[in-house]
Each structure stands twice: as structure tokens, then as C-alpha cells.
């Protein structure tokens, strides 16, 4: 496992970027995408997609990485589509083994928009770095360690 990449993702989050940005931007250059472009692409996915608290941003950032690795840019490429979807499902399964869910609201246990804002801020500082770390570690084991 490339521990430095995992640590880079956590450091990116702690520097002020959201969870999706932290995961995606850490790996996008490996697939020929500029890091700044990666930060912009993933910017709307934090807080469970625009603070909707649906799928965790660290997870959606990882899904983008999986798409960069396995996705297709050819219409009708069923093989790449199926490989990508299978990898997304496997990532989700592994993430849920560690955290019981991929849902941001459940992971944080607080409403980011209408809830107790000091509590939300504290939860983000404590919970989200672990989610970013977990997502990066799973990516490392799934797609950067494969033969």
C-alpha cells in the first residue's frame, strides 16, 4: 500500500478541501488529469453531495477514481461499464465493512444544514478524516495493488 498517498489524501482534507476532493485529487494525476481540475470536478460532492448528506464524499471521490481506472470513453463499451460497476459495488462493500454505511448523515450523526452547527463542525473534524483514510486505503488495495 502506498501509505504516502493515503496520508496525502488525509492532509488534503485537513487543509480545507472536502472529502471528495481529497480522495479524487490525490489520485487523478495518475490517470492524466491535472490535480487542480480534479479538485474542481469533485468540489460539489462533499458533505454527501452538496451537503445533502447522501453518499459520503470520500466514497464518491473514490467512485470517480474507479471510473478513471476502469471507465470507458467509447459508447457501447459494455465490458468497461460492467467492470466499473463491479468495482464500485466492491468498493462500497469494503467501505461498509469498515463503517457500516456509505451514507454521510449516518456516518456523521448530525444534520449539516439544519443541525447543531458546533456539533457538525466537530464531527467533520473527527469522522471525515477517517472516512478519507478508509477510502484511500480501499482504493490502494483494490486498484493500485492489483496484478
C-alpha atoms as a PDB file:
ATOM      1  CA  UNK A   1       0.000   0.000   0.000  1.00  0.00           C
ATOM      2  CA  UNK A   2       1.219   3.469  -0.841  1.00  0.00           C
ATOM      3  CA  UNK A   3       0.855   4.939   2.647  1.00  0.00           C
ATOM      4  CA  UNK A   4       2.102   8.329   1.469  1.00  0.00           C
ATOM      5  CA  UNK A   5      -0.867   8.639  -0.928  1.00  0.00           C
ATOM      6  CA  UNK A   6      -3.257   7.719   1.886  1.00  0.00           C
ATOM      7  CA  UNK A   7      -1.604  10.335   4.093  1.00  0.00           C
ATOM      8  CA  UNK A   8      -1.726  12.860   1.214  1.00  0.00           C
ATOM      9  CA  UNK A   9      -5.494  12.383   0.926  1.00  0.00           C
ATOM     10  CA  UNK A  10      -5.993  12.975   4.663  1.00  0.00           C
ATOM     11  CA  UNK A  11      -3.688  16.008   4.588  1.00  0.00           C
ATOM     12  CA  UNK A  12      -5.621  17.429   1.631  1.00  0.00           C
ATOM     13  CA  UNK A  13      -8.846  17.120   3.612  1.00  0.00           C
ATOM     14  CA  UNK A  14      -7.314  18.674   6.722  1.00  0.00           C
ATOM     15  CA  UNK A  15      -6.003  21.583   4.623  1.00  0.00           C
ATOM     16  CA  UNK A  16      -9.571  22.672   3.871  1.00  0.00           C
ATOM     17  CA  UNK A  17     -10.747  20.692   0.856  1.00  0.00           C
ATOM     18  CA  UNK A  18     -13.824  18.497   1.124  1.00  0.00           C
ATOM     19  CA  UNK A  19     -13.709  14.710   1.430  1.00  0.00           C
ATOM     20  CA  UNK A  20     -14.417  14.004  -2.249  1.00  0.00           C
ATOM     21  CA  UNK A  21     -11.793  16.491  -3.374  1.00  0.00           C
ATOM     22  CA  UNK A  22      -9.249  14.973  -1.000  1.00  0.00           C
ATOM     23  CA  UNK A  23      -9.695  11.462  -2.368  1.00  0.00           C
ATOM     24  CA  UNK A  24     -10.117  12.240  -6.062  1.00  0.00           C
ATOM     25  CA  UNK A  25      -7.374  14.864  -6.362  1.00  0.00           C
ATOM     26  CA  UNK A  26      -4.873  12.571  -4.657  1.00  0.00           C
ATOM     27  CA  UNK A  27      -5.197  10.013  -7.453  1.00  0.00           C
ATOM     28  CA  UNK A  28      -6.383  11.864 -10.580  1.00  0.00           C
ATOM     29  CA  UNK A  29      -2.901  12.791 -11.820  1.00  0.00           C
ATOM     30  CA  UNK A  30      -2.107   9.089 -12.035  1.00  0.00           C
ATOM     31  CA  UNK A  31      -4.668   8.968 -14.863  1.00  0.00           C
ATOM     32  CA  UNK A  32      -3.529  12.114 -16.659  1.00  0.00           C
ATOM     33  CA  UNK A  33      -5.875  14.628 -15.050  1.00  0.00           C
ATOM     34  CA  UNK A  34      -4.412  17.777 -13.542  1.00  0.00           C
ATOM     35  CA  UNK A  35      -4.820  17.959  -9.745  1.00  0.00           C
ATOM     36  CA  UNK A  36      -6.475  21.391  -9.923  1.00  0.00           C
ATOM     37  CA  UNK A  37      -9.012  20.038 -12.410  1.00  0.00           C
ATOM     38  CA  UNK A  38      -9.611  17.116 -10.058  1.00  0.00           C
ATOM     39  CA  UNK A  39     -10.252  19.485  -7.175  1.00  0.00           C
ATOM     40  CA  UNK A  40     -12.825  21.371  -9.247  1.00  0.00           C
ATOM     41  CA  UNK A  41     -14.527  18.232 -10.590  1.00  0.00           C
ATOM     42  CA  UNK A  42     -15.037  16.792  -7.091  1.00  0.00           C
ATOM     43  CA  UNK A  43     -15.935  20.090  -5.392  1.00  0.00           C
ATOM     44  CA  UNK A  44     -19.709  19.539  -5.443  1.00  0.00           C
ATOM     45  CA  UNK A  45     -19.549  16.068  -3.928  1.00  0.00           C
ATOM     46  CA  UNK A  46     -18.518  16.944  -0.364  1.00  0.00           C
ATOM     47  CA  UNK A  47     -20.937  16.620   2.521  1.00  0.00           C
ATOM     48  CA  UNK A  48     -22.646  13.697   0.869  1.00  0.00           C
ATOM     49  CA  UNK A  49     -23.084  15.588  -2.429  1.00  0.00           C
ATOM     50  CA  UNK A  50     -23.615  19.287  -1.829  1.00  0.00           C
ATOM     51  CA  UNK A  51     -24.318  18.735   1.892  1.00  0.00           C
ATOM     52  CA  UNK A  52     -27.356  16.641   1.010  1.00  0.00           C
ATOM     53  CA  UNK A  53     -25.733  14.004   3.227  1.00  0.00           C
ATOM     54  CA  UNK A  54     -26.394  11.171   0.826  1.00  0.00           C
ATOM     55  CA  UNK A  55     -23.368   9.098  -0.266  1.00  0.00           C
ATOM     56  CA  UNK A  56     -20.220  10.103   1.636  1.00  0.00           C
ATOM     57  CA  UNK A  57     -17.954  12.370  -0.400  1.00  0.00           C
ATOM     58  CA  UNK A  58     -14.910  10.198   0.288  1.00  0.00           C
ATOM     59  CA  UNK A  59     -16.864   7.364  -1.332  1.00  0.00           C
ATOM     60  CA  UNK A  60     -17.995   9.393  -4.348  1.00  0.00           C
ATOM     61  CA  UNK A  61     -14.448  10.679  -4.780  1.00  0.00           C
ATOM     62  CA  UNK A  62     -13.298   7.058  -4.838  1.00  0.00           C
ATOM     63  CA  UNK A  63     -16.001   6.234  -7.402  1.00  0.00           C
ATOM     64  CA  UNK A  64     -14.513   8.913  -9.649  1.00  0.00           C
ATOM     65  CA  UNK A  65     -11.078   7.311  -9.266  1.00  0.00           C
ATOM     66  CA  UNK A  66     -12.563   3.924 -10.132  1.00  0.00           C
ATOM     67  CA  UNK A  67     -14.085   5.495 -13.244  1.00  0.00           C
ATOM     68  CA  UNK A  68     -10.706   6.927 -14.205  1.00  0.00           C
ATOM     69  CA  UNK A  69      -9.158   3.458 -13.848  1.00  0.00           C
ATOM     70  CA  UNK A  70     -11.819   1.242 -15.399  1.00  0.00           C
ATOM     71  CA  UNK A  71     -14.282   3.527 -17.200  1.00  0.00           C
ATOM     72  CA  UNK A  72     -14.793   3.890 -20.909  1.00  0.00           C
ATOM     73  CA  UNK A  73     -14.972   6.816 -23.264  1.00  0.00           C
ATOM     74  CA  UNK A  74     -16.463   4.669 -26.027  1.00  0.00           C
ATOM     75  CA  UNK A  75     -20.244   4.434 -26.320  1.00  0.00           C
ATOM     76  CA  UNK A  76     -21.469   0.884 -26.005  1.00  0.00           C
ATOM     77  CA  UNK A  77     -18.359  -0.435 -24.227  1.00  0.00           C
ATOM     78  CA  UNK A  78     -20.323  -2.847 -22.064  1.00  0.00           C
ATOM     79  CA  UNK A  79     -17.230  -4.611 -20.747  1.00  0.00           C
ATOM     80  CA  UNK A  80     -15.737  -1.430 -19.230  1.00  0.00           C
ATOM     81  CA  UNK A  81     -19.115  -0.386 -17.860  1.00  0.00           C
ATOM     82  CA  UNK A  82     -19.596  -3.720 -16.121  1.00  0.00           C
ATOM     83  CA  UNK A  83     -16.031  -3.711 -14.759  1.00  0.00           C
ATOM     84  CA  UNK A  84     -16.544  -0.184 -13.414  1.00  0.00           C
ATOM     85  CA  UNK A  85     -19.901  -1.003 -11.827  1.00  0.00           C
ATOM     86  CA  UNK A  86     -18.486  -4.167 -10.255  1.00  0.00           C
ATOM     87  CA  UNK A  87     -15.556  -2.197  -8.808  1.00  0.00           C
ATOM     88  CA  UNK A  88     -17.935   0.453  -7.411  1.00  0.00           C
ATOM     89  CA  UNK A  89     -20.021  -2.261  -5.747  1.00  0.00           C
ATOM     90  CA  UNK A  90     -16.901  -3.922  -4.316  1.00  0.00           C
ATOM     91  CA  UNK A  91     -15.588  -0.598  -3.020  1.00  0.00           C
ATOM     92  CA  UNK A  92     -18.955   0.054  -1.359  1.00  0.00           C
ATOM     93  CA  UNK A  93     -18.947  -3.400   0.217  1.00  0.00           C
ATOM     94  CA  UNK A  94     -15.451  -2.899   1.636  1.00  0.00           C
ATOM     95  CA  UNK A  95     -16.242   0.601   2.891  1.00  0.00           C
ATOM     96  CA  UNK A  96     -19.411  -0.669   4.590  1.00  0.00           C
ATOM     97  CA  UNK A  97     -17.431  -3.465   6.257  1.00  0.00           C
ATOM     98  CA  UNK A  98     -15.348  -0.778   7.939  1.00  0.00           C
ATOM     99  CA  UNK A  99     -18.072   1.785   8.605  1.00  0.00           C
ATOM    100  CA  UNK A 100     -21.459   0.010   8.374  1.00  0.00           C
ATOM    101  CA  UNK A 101     -22.740   2.516   5.774  1.00  0.00           C
ATOM    102  CA  UNK A 102     -21.738   4.823   2.926  1.00  0.00           C
ATOM    103  CA  UNK A 103     -24.364   7.403   3.958  1.00  0.00           C
ATOM    104  CA  UNK A 104     -22.911  10.722   5.124  1.00  0.00           C
ATOM    105  CA  UNK A 105     -25.755  11.515   7.521  1.00  0.00           C
ATOM    106  CA  UNK A 106     -25.402   8.151   9.239  1.00  0.00           C
ATOM    107  CA  UNK A 107     -21.613   8.419   9.389  1.00  0.00           C
ATOM    108  CA  UNK A 108     -21.696  11.904  10.920  1.00  0.00           C
ATOM    109  CA  UNK A 109     -24.800  11.505  13.061  1.00  0.00           C
ATOM    110  CA  UNK A 110     -25.719  15.162  12.605  1.00  0.00           C
ATOM    111  CA  UNK A 111     -27.600  17.284  10.063  1.00  0.00           C
ATOM    112  CA  UNK A 112     -25.037  19.516   8.343  1.00  0.00           C
ATOM    113  CA  UNK A 113     -27.546  22.147   7.262  1.00  0.00           C
ATOM    114  CA  UNK A 114     -30.205  22.328   9.977  1.00  0.00           C
ATOM    115  CA  UNK A 115     -28.496  20.626  12.885  1.00  0.00           C
ATOM    116  CA  UNK A 116     -26.300  21.767  15.739  1.00  0.00           C
ATOM    117  CA  UNK A 117     -23.526  23.562  13.812  1.00  0.00           C
ATOM    118  CA  UNK A 118     -20.802  23.351  16.506  1.00  0.00           C
ATOM    119  CA  UNK A 119     -21.507  19.626  16.781  1.00  0.00           C
ATOM    120  CA  UNK A 120     -21.476  19.269  12.983  1.00  0.00           C
ATOM    121  CA  UNK A 121     -18.138  21.071  12.807  1.00  0.00           C
ATOM    122  CA  UNK A 122     -16.678  18.789  15.473  1.00  0.00           C
ATOM    123  CA  UNK A 123     -17.996  15.648  13.760  1.00  0.00           C
ATOM    124  CA  UNK A 124     -16.463  16.731  10.460  1.00  0.00           C
ATOM    125  CA  UNK A 125     -13.085  17.201  12.141  1.00  0.00           C
ATOM    126  CA  UNK A 126     -13.162  13.779  13.777  1.00  0.00           C
ATOM    127  CA  UNK A 127     -15.183  11.489  11.481  1.00  0.00           C
ATOM    128  CA  UNK A 128     -14.292  12.697   7.990  1.00  0.00           C
ATOM    129  CA  UNK A 129     -10.507  12.191   8.150  1.00  0.00           C
ATOM    130  CA  UNK A 130     -11.156   8.531   8.946  1.00  0.00           C
ATOM    131  CA  UNK A 131     -13.552   8.238   6.000  1.00  0.00           C
ATOM    132  CA  UNK A 132     -10.960   9.781   3.677  1.00  0.00           C
ATOM    133  CA  UNK A 133      -8.284   7.437   5.058  1.00  0.00           C
ATOM    134  CA  UNK A 134     -10.543   4.410   4.672  1.00  0.00           C
ATOM    135  CA  UNK A 135     -11.475   5.347   1.102  1.00  0.00           C
ATOM    136  CA  UNK A 136      -7.829   5.834   0.107  1.00  0.00           C
ATOM    137  CA  UNK A 137      -6.755   2.587   1.766  1.00  0.00           C
ATOM    138  CA  UNK A 138      -9.501   0.661  -0.006  1.00  0.00           C
ATOM    139  CA  UNK A 139      -8.552   2.229  -3.350  1.00  0.00           C
ATOM    140  CA  UNK A 140      -4.944   1.286  -2.718  1.00  0.00           C
ATOM    141  CA  UNK A 141      -5.891  -2.324  -2.028  1.00  0.00           C
ATOM    142  CA  UNK A 142      -8.397  -2.584  -4.882  1.00  0.00           C
ATOM    143  CA  UNK A 143      -6.902  -0.833  -7.842  1.00  0.00           C
ATOM    144  CA  UNK A 144      -3.326   0.095  -7.110  1.00  0.00           C
ATOM    145  CA  UNK A 145      -2.252  -3.285  -5.746  1.00  0.00           C
ATOM    146  CA  UNK A 146      -3.950  -5.440  -8.369  1.00  0.00           C
ATOM    147  CA  UNK A 147      -1.786  -7.515 -10.645  1.00  0.00           C
END
